[in-house]
Amino acid sequence: MTSSSAVDVVGGAPGYRPGATLSLWTEIRRQAARRRTQMALGFMVLLPLIILIAFQLDNGGDDDEGGGGEFSRLADLATAGGANFTLFTLLVSSGFLLVVVVALFCGDTVASEASWGSLRYLLAMPVPRARLLGVKVTAALLYCLLAMLILVGTALLAGTLRYGWAPLNAPIGGEIAAGTSVVRLLEIVGYLCVSLLVVASLAFLLSVSTDAPLGAVGGAVLLQILSNILDQITALGTIRNFLPTHYGDAWLGLLSTPLQTDDIVKGCISSLAYATIFFSLAWWRFLRKDVVS
């Protein structure tokens, strides 16, 4: 009777503790050993160096003859100091590269287990489904944050070593003091992390819905691209305000004087709302899914 009662109360064999299965540290180490993790993080180091080399190879020619415009002015500011170089790196990577990296970490995490046939074995250990999802998504988001910090840290270090430390020259807000520049960069990184939660949650939803990792990753990226395209169609009017990418560039308001935070607040609310919906759907879908792979 005692043994039977232990099984009924705990929900498993005597001594079984659901919270002790598949720890977060175990999942972090598992993901760190994967080639895609190593390549993604490695490219975060490589990108600022590639940009730096590209500036070094610039022959000083006039690129505005073909109508370079605003982007050309931002490129000129990139060589004005380490903070400016970091800002330019974030500008060129936030629209697509960071989207792909976040979709890769969050879209591959569950779907890859299903494609390998190891997902059912994890659940048979047994690892509770809610705990499996919690550990998986937490590890994926931590790697997304790590990738962002590596990108910013490498750009800041490389840019400072090459161009020195100088005030941040914002193209729309004048000069920002050198000490305040780091704070502004951290605020920009924080906003990008919040806005990319939409990509992370959508990729995770697709990851628990398919056995094809590329489908989950590609689906999240394609839907993000579609949202960007629709956001350019002014005929949609106020409908564009509800697109998940509408406030993607709101972080530029942190470079103005005085700060323009209205769109940033709206962007945070929009991103958190979408992320809550997508993550909730992922939990609802996976807890009811018949896992056969």
C-alpha atoms as a PDB file:
ATOM      1  CA  MET A   1       0.000   0.000   0.000  1.00  0.00           C
ATOM      2  CA  THR A   2       2.845   2.389   0.811  1.00  0.00           C
ATOM      3  CA  SER A   3       4.506   1.860  -2.545  1.00  0.00           C
ATOM      4  CA  SER A   4       1.217   2.242  -4.369  1.00  0.00           C
ATOM      5  CA  SER A   5       0.482   5.483  -2.511  1.00  0.00           C
ATOM      6  CA  ALA A   6       3.905   6.866  -3.446  1.00  0.00           C
ATOM      7  CA  VAL A   7       3.216   6.168  -7.092  1.00  0.00           C
ATOM      8  CA  ASP A   8      -0.208   7.827  -6.930  1.00  0.00           C
ATOM      9  CA  VAL A   9       0.975  10.943  -5.130  1.00  0.00           C
ATOM     10  CA  VAL A  10       4.160  11.598  -7.053  1.00  0.00           C
ATOM     11  CA  GLY A  11       2.846  10.461 -10.428  1.00  0.00           C
ATOM     12  CA  GLY A  12       5.701   8.014 -11.055  1.00  0.00           C
ATOM     13  CA  ALA A  13       7.985   5.530  -9.394  1.00  0.00           C
ATOM     14  CA  PRO A  14       9.083   6.129  -5.772  1.00  0.00           C
ATOM     15  CA  GLY A  15      11.901   8.692  -5.732  1.00  0.00           C
ATOM     16  CA  TYR A  16      11.014  10.121  -9.145  1.00  0.00           C
ATOM     17  CA  ARG A  17      11.283  13.911  -9.222  1.00  0.00           C
ATOM     18  CA  PRO A  18      10.022  15.611 -12.416  1.00  0.00           C
ATOM     19  CA  GLY A  19      12.024  18.734 -11.620  1.00  0.00           C
ATOM     20  CA  ALA A  20      15.277  16.771 -11.673  1.00  0.00           C
ATOM     21  CA  THR A  21      14.906  15.627 -15.272  1.00  0.00           C
ATOM     22  CA  LEU A  22      16.647  17.429 -18.150  1.00  0.00           C
ATOM     23  CA  SER A  23      18.189  20.312 -16.228  1.00  0.00           C
ATOM     24  CA  LEU A  24      18.745  23.661 -17.924  1.00  0.00           C
ATOM     25  CA  TRP A  25      22.511  23.274 -17.664  1.00  0.00           C
ATOM     26  CA  THR A  26      22.301  19.885 -19.373  1.00  0.00           C
ATOM     27  CA  GLU A  27      20.350  21.383 -22.265  1.00  0.00           C
ATOM     28  CA  ILE A  28      22.767  24.320 -22.544  1.00  0.00           C
ATOM     29  CA  ARG A  29      25.697  21.892 -22.817  1.00  0.00           C
ATOM     30  CA  ARG A  30      23.825  19.757 -25.363  1.00  0.00           C
ATOM     31  CA  GLN A  31      23.156  22.778 -27.537  1.00  0.00           C
ATOM     32  CA  ALA A  32      26.723  24.082 -27.134  1.00  0.00           C
ATOM     33  CA  ALA A  33      28.053  20.848 -28.618  1.00  0.00           C
ATOM     34  CA  ARG A  34      25.977  21.268 -31.783  1.00  0.00           C
ATOM     35  CA  ARG A  35      27.664  22.516 -34.914  1.00  0.00           C
ATOM     36  CA  ARG A  36      24.925  25.023 -35.741  1.00  0.00           C
ATOM     37  CA  THR A  37      25.388  26.704 -32.344  1.00  0.00           C
ATOM     38  CA  GLN A  38      29.123  26.969 -32.794  1.00  0.00           C
ATOM     39  CA  MET A  39      28.792  28.316 -36.340  1.00  0.00           C
ATOM     40  CA  ALA A  40      26.099  30.861 -35.406  1.00  0.00           C
ATOM     41  CA  LEU A  41      28.086  32.227 -32.463  1.00  0.00           C
ATOM     42  CA  GLY A  42      31.270  32.159 -34.509  1.00  0.00           C
ATOM     43  CA  PHE A  43      29.650  34.258 -37.223  1.00  0.00           C
ATOM     44  CA  MET A  44      28.651  36.821 -34.591  1.00  0.00           C
ATOM     45  CA  VAL A  45      32.376  37.290 -33.997  1.00  0.00           C
ATOM     46  CA  LEU A  46      33.224  37.207 -37.681  1.00  0.00           C
ATOM     47  CA  LEU A  47      30.681  39.759 -38.956  1.00  0.00           C
ATOM     48  CA  PRO A  48      32.146  42.863 -37.246  1.00  0.00           C
ATOM     49  CA  LEU A  49      35.598  41.834 -38.450  1.00  0.00           C
ATOM     50  CA  ILE A  50      34.306  41.464 -42.019  1.00  0.00           C
ATOM     51  CA  ILE A  51      32.753  44.943 -41.842  1.00  0.00           C
ATOM     52  CA  LEU A  52      35.988  46.338 -40.424  1.00  0.00           C
ATOM     53  CA  ILE A  53      38.019  44.789 -43.241  1.00  0.00           C
ATOM     54  CA  ALA A  54      35.532  46.151 -45.788  1.00  0.00           C
ATOM     55  CA  PHE A  55      36.096  49.679 -44.459  1.00  0.00           C
ATOM     56  CA  GLN A  56      39.846  49.130 -44.608  1.00  0.00           C
ATOM     57  CA  LEU A  57      39.604  48.127 -48.267  1.00  0.00           C
ATOM     58  CA  ASP A  58      37.593  51.248 -49.121  1.00  0.00           C
ATOM     59  CA  ASN A  59      39.547  53.196 -51.701  1.00  0.00           C
ATOM     60  CA  GLY A  60      37.959  56.488 -50.657  1.00  0.00           C
ATOM     61  CA  GLY A  61      35.921  56.840 -53.844  1.00  0.00           C
ATOM     62  CA  ASP A  62      32.703  58.824 -53.944  1.00  0.00           C
ATOM     63  CA  ASP A  63      29.886  56.338 -53.505  1.00  0.00           C
ATOM     64  CA  ASP A  64      27.158  58.982 -53.507  1.00  0.00           C
ATOM     65  CA  GLU A  65      27.237  59.438 -57.260  1.00  0.00           C
ATOM     66  CA  GLY A  66      24.696  56.662 -57.615  1.00  0.00           C
ATOM     67  CA  GLY A  67      22.464  58.099 -54.906  1.00  0.00           C
ATOM     68  CA  GLY A  68      23.894  56.394 -51.792  1.00  0.00           C
ATOM     69  CA  GLY A  69      22.031  58.811 -49.545  1.00  0.00           C
ATOM     70  CA  GLU A  70      21.283  58.087 -45.886  1.00  0.00           C
ATOM     71  CA  PHE A  71      22.969  54.701 -45.731  1.00  0.00           C
ATOM     72  CA  SER A  72      26.177  56.202 -47.119  1.00  0.00           C
ATOM     73  CA  ARG A  73      26.149  58.849 -44.380  1.00  0.00           C
ATOM     74  CA  LEU A  74      25.716  56.152 -41.750  1.00  0.00           C
ATOM     75  CA  ALA A  75      28.648  54.270 -43.246  1.00  0.00           C
ATOM     76  CA  ASP A  76      30.764  57.413 -42.968  1.00  0.00           C
ATOM     77  CA  LEU A  77      29.841  57.744 -39.291  1.00  0.00           C
ATOM     78  CA  ALA A  78      30.856  54.126 -38.644  1.00  0.00           C
ATOM     79  CA  THR A  79      34.535  55.057 -38.731  1.00  0.00           C
ATOM     80  CA  ALA A  80      34.150  57.893 -36.221  1.00  0.00           C
ATOM     81  CA  GLY A  81      34.717  55.675 -33.182  1.00  0.00           C
ATOM     82  CA  GLY A  82      33.988  52.345 -31.541  1.00  0.00           C
ATOM     83  CA  ALA A  83      30.440  53.257 -30.513  1.00  0.00           C
ATOM     84  CA  ASN A  84      29.596  54.442 -34.028  1.00  0.00           C
ATOM     85  CA  PHE A  85      31.046  51.269 -35.526  1.00  0.00           C
ATOM     86  CA  THR A  86      28.892  49.190 -33.154  1.00  0.00           C
ATOM     87  CA  LEU A  87      25.806  51.187 -34.085  1.00  0.00           C
ATOM     88  CA  PHE A  88      26.449  50.591 -37.786  1.00  0.00           C
ATOM     89  CA  THR A  89      26.953  46.863 -37.158  1.00  0.00           C
ATOM     90  CA  LEU A  90      23.602  46.676 -35.369  1.00  0.00           C
ATOM     91  CA  LEU A  91      21.959  48.608 -38.188  1.00  0.00           C
ATOM     92  CA  VAL A  92      23.108  46.243 -40.933  1.00  0.00           C
ATOM     93  CA  SER A  93      22.426  43.070 -38.928  1.00  0.00           C
ATOM     94  CA  SER A  94      19.118  43.774 -37.191  1.00  0.00           C
ATOM     95  CA  GLY A  95      16.965  43.573 -40.309  1.00  0.00           C
ATOM     96  CA  PHE A  96      17.868  40.042 -41.392  1.00  0.00           C
ATOM     97  CA  LEU A  97      20.914  38.404 -39.802  1.00  0.00           C
ATOM     98  CA  LEU A  98      19.667  38.572 -36.220  1.00  0.00           C
ATOM     99  CA  VAL A  99      16.251  37.374 -37.381  1.00  0.00           C
ATOM    100  CA  VAL A 100      17.843  34.286 -38.938  1.00  0.00           C
ATOM    101  CA  VAL A 101      19.981  33.569 -35.863  1.00  0.00           C
ATOM    102  CA  VAL A 102      17.017  33.858 -33.466  1.00  0.00           C
ATOM    103  CA  ALA A 103      14.840  31.725 -35.743  1.00  0.00           C
ATOM    104  CA  LEU A 104      17.640  29.145 -35.940  1.00  0.00           C
ATOM    105  CA  PHE A 105      18.044  28.781 -32.181  1.00  0.00           C
ATOM    106  CA  CYS A 106      14.309  28.737 -31.392  1.00  0.00           C
ATOM    107  CA  GLY A 107      12.990  26.966 -34.480  1.00  0.00           C
ATOM    108  CA  ASP A 108      15.483  24.127 -34.425  1.00  0.00           C
ATOM    109  CA  THR A 109      15.291  23.252 -30.741  1.00  0.00           C
ATOM    110  CA  VAL A 110      12.266  20.878 -30.661  1.00  0.00           C
ATOM    111  CA  ALA A 111      11.895  20.056 -34.351  1.00  0.00           C
ATOM    112  CA  SER A 112      15.463  18.732 -34.510  1.00  0.00           C
ATOM    113  CA  GLU A 113      14.749  16.303 -31.664  1.00  0.00           C
ATOM    114  CA  ALA A 114      11.685  15.093 -33.548  1.00  0.00           C
ATOM    115  CA  SER A 115      13.601  14.702 -36.812  1.00  0.00           C
ATOM    116  CA  TRP A 116      16.278  12.632 -35.047  1.00  0.00           C
ATOM    117  CA  GLY A 117      13.670  10.448 -33.354  1.00  0.00           C
ATOM    118  CA  SER A 118      14.956  11.382 -29.899  1.00  0.00           C
ATOM    119  CA  LEU A 119      11.974  13.450 -28.769  1.00  0.00           C
ATOM    120  CA  ARG A 120       9.876  10.453 -27.761  1.00  0.00           C
ATOM    121  CA  TYR A 121      12.807   9.029 -25.815  1.00  0.00           C
ATOM    122  CA  LEU A 122      13.162  12.267 -23.859  1.00  0.00           C
ATOM    123  CA  LEU A 123       9.481  12.091 -22.969  1.00  0.00           C
ATOM    124  CA  ALA A 124       9.843   8.420 -22.051  1.00  0.00           C
ATOM    125  CA  MET A 125      12.642   9.141 -19.517  1.00  0.00           C
ATOM    126  CA  PRO A 126      10.139  10.552 -18.424  1.00  0.00           C
ATOM    127  CA  VAL A 127      10.560  14.301 -18.815  1.00  0.00           C
ATOM    128  CA  PRO A 128       7.259  16.178 -18.284  1.00  0.00           C
ATOM    129  CA  ARG A 129       6.224  17.931 -21.462  1.00  0.00           C
ATOM    130  CA  ALA A 130       5.845  21.347 -19.842  1.00  0.00           C
ATOM    131  CA  ARG A 131       9.321  21.060 -18.326  1.00  0.00           C
ATOM    132  CA  LEU A 132      10.792  19.933 -21.654  1.00  0.00           C
ATOM    133  CA  LEU A 133       9.373  23.003 -23.388  1.00  0.00           C
ATOM    134  CA  GLY A 134      10.435  25.320 -20.581  1.00  0.00           C
ATOM    135  CA  VAL A 135      14.022  24.089 -20.608  1.00  0.00           C
ATOM    136  CA  LYS A 136      14.200  24.095 -24.411  1.00  0.00           C
ATOM    137  CA  VAL A 137      12.886  27.630 -24.867  1.00  0.00           C
ATOM    138  CA  THR A 138      14.949  29.029 -21.987  1.00  0.00           C
ATOM    139  CA  ALA A 139      18.158  27.585 -23.419  1.00  0.00           C
ATOM    140  CA  ALA A 140      17.273  28.858 -26.895  1.00  0.00           C
ATOM    141  CA  LEU A 141      16.575  32.393 -25.625  1.00  0.00           C
ATOM    142  CA  LEU A 142      19.805  32.414 -23.624  1.00  0.00           C
ATOM    143  CA  TYR A 143      21.754  31.534 -26.764  1.00  0.00           C
ATOM    144  CA  CYS A 144      19.928  34.293 -28.666  1.00  0.00           C
ATOM    145  CA  LEU A 145      20.975  36.764 -25.985  1.00  0.00           C
ATOM    146  CA  LEU A 146      24.524  35.423 -26.036  1.00  0.00           C
ATOM    147  CA  ALA A 147      24.690  35.850 -29.816  1.00  0.00           C
ATOM    148  CA  MET A 148      23.542  39.467 -29.509  1.00  0.00           C
ATOM    149  CA  LEU A 149      26.066  40.241 -26.772  1.00  0.00           C
ATOM    150  CA  ILE A 150      28.896  38.604 -28.730  1.00  0.00           C
ATOM    151  CA  LEU A 151      28.032  40.665 -31.813  1.00  0.00           C
ATOM    152  CA  VAL A 152      27.902  43.944 -29.867  1.00  0.00           C
ATOM    153  CA  GLY A 153      30.955  43.138 -27.755  1.00  0.00           C
ATOM    154  CA  THR A 154      33.081  42.187 -30.752  1.00  0.00           C
ATOM    155  CA  ALA A 155      31.996  45.259 -32.722  1.00  0.00           C
ATOM    156  CA  LEU A 156      32.670  47.554 -29.779  1.00  0.00           C
ATOM    157  CA  LEU A 157      36.097  46.041 -29.118  1.00  0.00           C
ATOM    158  CA  ALA A 158      37.176  45.919 -32.772  1.00  0.00           C
ATOM    159  CA  GLY A 159      35.817  49.392 -33.526  1.00  0.00           C
ATOM    160  CA  THR A 160      37.456  50.941 -30.475  1.00  0.00           C
ATOM    161  CA  LEU A 161      40.823  49.331 -31.189  1.00  0.00           C
ATOM    162  CA  ARG A 162      40.736  50.559 -34.787  1.00  0.00           C
ATOM    163  CA  TYR A 163      38.987  53.931 -34.564  1.00  0.00           C
ATOM    164  CA  GLY A 164      39.385  54.831 -30.898  1.00  0.00           C
ATOM    165  CA  TRP A 165      36.696  55.897 -28.446  1.00  0.00           C
ATOM    166  CA  ALA A 166      34.604  58.919 -29.363  1.00  0.00           C
ATOM    167  CA  PRO A 167      31.115  60.295 -28.750  1.00  0.00           C
ATOM    168  CA  LEU A 168      28.285  58.593 -30.602  1.00  0.00           C
ATOM    169  CA  ASN A 169      27.416  60.630 -33.690  1.00  0.00           C
ATOM    170  CA  ALA A 170      23.732  59.986 -34.265  1.00  0.00           C
ATOM    171  CA  PRO A 171      22.601  60.978 -37.790  1.00  0.00           C
ATOM    172  CA  ILE A 172      19.288  62.328 -36.464  1.00  0.00           C
ATOM    173  CA  GLY A 173      20.231  63.580 -33.016  1.00  0.00           C
ATOM    174  CA  GLY A 174      23.670  65.110 -33.085  1.00  0.00           C
ATOM    175  CA  GLU A 175      26.478  64.047 -30.794  1.00  0.00           C
ATOM    176  CA  ILE A 176      25.929  61.837 -27.747  1.00  0.00           C
ATOM    177  CA  ALA A 177      28.529  61.970 -24.962  1.00  0.00           C
ATOM    178  CA  ALA A 178      31.006  59.095 -24.844  1.00  0.00           C
ATOM    179  CA  GLY A 179      29.854  57.953 -21.407  1.00  0.00           C
ATOM    180  CA  THR A 180      26.190  57.993 -22.437  1.00  0.00           C
ATOM    181  CA  SER A 181      26.970  56.118 -25.671  1.00  0.00           C
ATOM    182  CA  VAL A 182      27.337  52.780 -23.880  1.00  0.00           C
ATOM    183  CA  VAL A 183      23.998  53.281 -22.130  1.00  0.00           C
ATOM    184  CA  ARG A 184      22.290  54.085 -25.443  1.00  0.00           C
ATOM    185  CA  LEU A 185      23.813  51.016 -27.088  1.00  0.00           C
ATOM    186  CA  LEU A 186      22.587  48.805 -24.234  1.00  0.00           C
ATOM    187  CA  GLU A 187      19.112  50.327 -24.540  1.00  0.00           C
ATOM    188  CA  ILE A 188      19.135  49.596 -28.274  1.00  0.00           C
ATOM    189  CA  VAL A 189      20.208  45.998 -27.613  1.00  0.00           C
ATOM    190  CA  GLY A 190      17.439  45.676 -25.029  1.00  0.00           C
ATOM    191  CA  TYR A 191      14.798  46.888 -27.462  1.00  0.00           C
ATOM    192  CA  LEU A 192      16.075  44.588 -30.215  1.00  0.00           C
ATOM    193  CA  CYS A 193      15.891  41.646 -27.820  1.00  0.00           C
ATOM    194  CA  VAL A 194      12.265  42.459 -27.010  1.00  0.00           C
ATOM    195  CA  SER A 195      11.288  42.958 -30.662  1.00  0.00           C
ATOM    196  CA  LEU A 196      12.983  39.695 -31.679  1.00  0.00           C
ATOM    197  CA  LEU A 197      10.807  37.815 -29.193  1.00  0.00           C
ATOM    198  CA  VAL A 198       8.195  37.777 -31.969  1.00  0.00           C
ATOM    199  CA  VAL A 199      10.556  35.803 -34.197  1.00  0.00           C
ATOM    200  CA  ALA A 200      11.614  33.563 -31.312  1.00  0.00           C
ATOM    201  CA  SER A 201       8.061  32.706 -30.263  1.00  0.00           C
ATOM    202  CA  LEU A 202       6.852  32.131 -33.827  1.00  0.00           C
ATOM    203  CA  ALA A 203       9.834  29.902 -34.623  1.00  0.00           C
ATOM    204  CA  PHE A 204       9.221  27.954 -31.404  1.00  0.00           C
ATOM    205  CA  LEU A 205       5.544  27.517 -32.264  1.00  0.00           C
ATOM    206  CA  LEU A 206       6.499  26.142 -35.678  1.00  0.00           C
ATOM    207  CA  SER A 207       9.171  23.967 -34.048  1.00  0.00           C
ATOM    208  CA  VAL A 208       6.637  22.110 -31.894  1.00  0.00           C
ATOM    209  CA  SER A 209       4.289  21.787 -34.876  1.00  0.00           C
ATOM    210  CA  THR A 210       6.636  20.127 -37.373  1.00  0.00           C
ATOM    211  CA  ASP A 211       9.356  17.499 -37.578  1.00  0.00           C
ATOM    212  CA  ALA A 212      11.308  19.555 -40.126  1.00  0.00           C
ATOM    213  CA  PRO A 213      13.757  22.010 -38.473  1.00  0.00           C
ATOM    214  CA  LEU A 214      14.336  23.914 -41.712  1.00  0.00           C
ATOM    215  CA  GLY A 215      10.602  24.353 -42.085  1.00  0.00           C
ATOM    216  CA  ALA A 216      10.324  25.928 -38.639  1.00  0.00           C
ATOM    217  CA  VAL A 217      13.323  28.204 -39.145  1.00  0.00           C
ATOM    218  CA  GLY A 218      12.426  29.144 -42.719  1.00  0.00           C
ATOM    219  CA  GLY A 219       8.768  29.679 -41.870  1.00  0.00           C
ATOM    220  CA  ALA A 220       9.574  32.192 -39.143  1.00  0.00           C
ATOM    221  CA  VAL A 221      12.013  34.071 -41.374  1.00  0.00           C
ATOM    222  CA  LEU A 222       9.613  34.134 -44.334  1.00  0.00           C
ATOM    223  CA  LEU A 223       6.717  35.417 -42.242  1.00  0.00           C
ATOM    224  CA  GLN A 224       8.984  38.145 -40.880  1.00  0.00           C
ATOM    225  CA  ILE A 225       9.932  39.123 -44.433  1.00  0.00           C
ATOM    226  CA  LEU A 226       6.258  39.105 -45.454  1.00  0.00           C
ATOM    227  CA  SER A 227       5.423  41.412 -42.550  1.00  0.00           C
ATOM    228  CA  ASN A 228       8.186  43.800 -43.646  1.00  0.00           C
ATOM    229  CA  ILE A 229       6.852  43.834 -47.204  1.00  0.00           C
ATOM    230  CA  LEU A 230       3.281  44.520 -46.092  1.00  0.00           C
ATOM    231  CA  ASP A 231       4.525  47.286 -43.816  1.00  0.00           C
ATOM    232  CA  GLN A 232       5.822  49.128 -46.900  1.00  0.00           C
ATOM    233  CA  ILE A 233       2.365  49.211 -48.497  1.00  0.00           C
ATOM    234  CA  THR A 234       0.933  52.532 -47.361  1.00  0.00           C
ATOM    235  CA  ALA A 235      -2.468  51.642 -48.822  1.00  0.00           C
ATOM    236  CA  LEU A 236      -3.001  49.343 -45.818  1.00  0.00           C
ATOM    237  CA  GLY A 237      -3.273  52.423 -43.621  1.00  0.00           C
ATOM    238  CA  THR A 238      -3.604  51.796 -39.885  1.00  0.00           C
ATOM    239  CA  ILE A 239      -3.563  48.034 -40.444  1.00  0.00           C
ATOM    240  CA  ARG A 240       0.221  48.316 -40.673  1.00  0.00           C
ATOM    241  CA  ASN A 241       0.317  49.332 -36.997  1.00  0.00           C
ATOM    242  CA  PHE A 242      -0.668  45.787 -36.060  1.00  0.00           C
ATOM    243  CA  LEU A 243       2.083  44.114 -38.070  1.00  0.00           C
ATOM    244  CA  PRO A 244       4.784  42.588 -35.835  1.00  0.00           C
ATOM    245  CA  THR A 245       7.569  44.395 -37.710  1.00  0.00           C
ATOM    246  CA  HIS A 246       5.955  47.846 -37.870  1.00  0.00           C
ATOM    247  CA  TYR A 247       7.983  49.177 -34.943  1.00  0.00           C
ATOM    248  CA  GLY A 248      11.154  47.311 -35.814  1.00  0.00           C
ATOM    249  CA  ASP A 249      13.133  50.525 -36.360  1.00  0.00           C
ATOM    250  CA  ALA A 250      11.720  52.351 -33.355  1.00  0.00           C
ATOM    251  CA  TRP A 251      15.092  52.031 -31.601  1.00  0.00           C
ATOM    252  CA  LEU A 252      16.342  54.858 -33.809  1.00  0.00           C
ATOM    253  CA  GLY A 253      14.359  57.131 -31.493  1.00  0.00           C
ATOM    254  CA  LEU A 254      17.005  56.462 -28.840  1.00  0.00           C
ATOM    255  CA  LEU A 255      19.472  58.369 -31.028  1.00  0.00           C
ATOM    256  CA  SER A 256      17.411  61.545 -31.205  1.00  0.00           C
ATOM    257  CA  THR A 257      17.577  64.559 -28.922  1.00  0.00           C
ATOM    258  CA  PRO A 258      15.296  64.601 -27.029  1.00  0.00           C
ATOM    259  CA  LEU A 259      14.575  60.870 -26.899  1.00  0.00           C
ATOM    260  CA  GLN A 260      11.594  59.670 -28.924  1.00  0.00           C
ATOM    261  CA  THR A 261      10.142  56.782 -26.924  1.00  0.00           C
ATOM    262  CA  ASP A 262       6.493  56.656 -28.037  1.00  0.00           C
ATOM    263  CA  ASP A 263       7.115  54.121 -30.805  1.00  0.00           C
ATOM    264  CA  ILE A 264       9.479  52.180 -28.550  1.00  0.00           C
ATOM    265  CA  VAL A 265       6.733  51.701 -25.957  1.00  0.00           C
ATOM    266  CA  LYS A 266       4.254  50.688 -28.666  1.00  0.00           C
ATOM    267  CA  GLY A 267       6.821  48.313 -30.151  1.00  0.00           C
ATOM    268  CA  CYS A 268       7.471  46.647 -26.787  1.00  0.00           C
ATOM    269  CA  ILE A 269       3.743  46.198 -26.155  1.00  0.00           C
ATOM    270  CA  SER A 270       3.209  44.778 -29.648  1.00  0.00           C
ATOM    271  CA  SER A 271       6.170  42.383 -29.422  1.00  0.00           C
ATOM    272  CA  LEU A 272       5.237  41.118 -25.946  1.00  0.00           C
ATOM    273  CA  ALA A 273       1.629  40.608 -27.024  1.00  0.00           C
ATOM    274  CA  TYR A 274       2.616  38.572 -30.095  1.00  0.00           C
ATOM    275  CA  ALA A 275       5.208  36.618 -28.104  1.00  0.00           C
ATOM    276  CA  THR A 276       2.657  35.752 -25.407  1.00  0.00           C
ATOM    277  CA  ILE A 277       0.189  34.507 -28.012  1.00  0.00           C
ATOM    278  CA  PHE A 278       2.748  32.419 -29.931  1.00  0.00           C
ATOM    279  CA  PHE A 279       4.360  30.904 -26.835  1.00  0.00           C
ATOM    280  CA  SER A 280       0.922  30.077 -25.404  1.00  0.00           C
ATOM    281  CA  LEU A 281      -0.083  28.384 -28.648  1.00  0.00           C
ATOM    282  CA  ALA A 282       3.191  26.421 -28.622  1.00  0.00           C
ATOM    283  CA  TRP A 283       2.470  25.126 -25.111  1.00  0.00           C
ATOM    284  CA  TRP A 284      -1.147  24.330 -25.968  1.00  0.00           C
ATOM    285  CA  ARG A 285      -0.129  22.539 -29.161  1.00  0.00           C
ATOM    286  CA  PHE A 286       2.693  20.463 -27.682  1.00  0.00           C
ATOM    287  CA  LEU A 287       0.871  19.394 -24.507  1.00  0.00           C
ATOM    288  CA  ARG A 288      -1.857  17.880 -26.709  1.00  0.00           C
ATOM    289  CA  LYS A 289       0.342  16.609 -29.515  1.00  0.00           C
ATOM    290  CA  ASP A 290       0.721  12.902 -30.237  1.00  0.00           C
ATOM    291  CA  VAL A 291       4.507  12.549 -30.324  1.00  0.00           C
ATOM    292  CA  VAL A 292       5.468   9.641 -32.565  1.00  0.00           C
ATOM    293  CA  SER A 293       9.013  10.644 -33.552  1.00  0.00           C
END
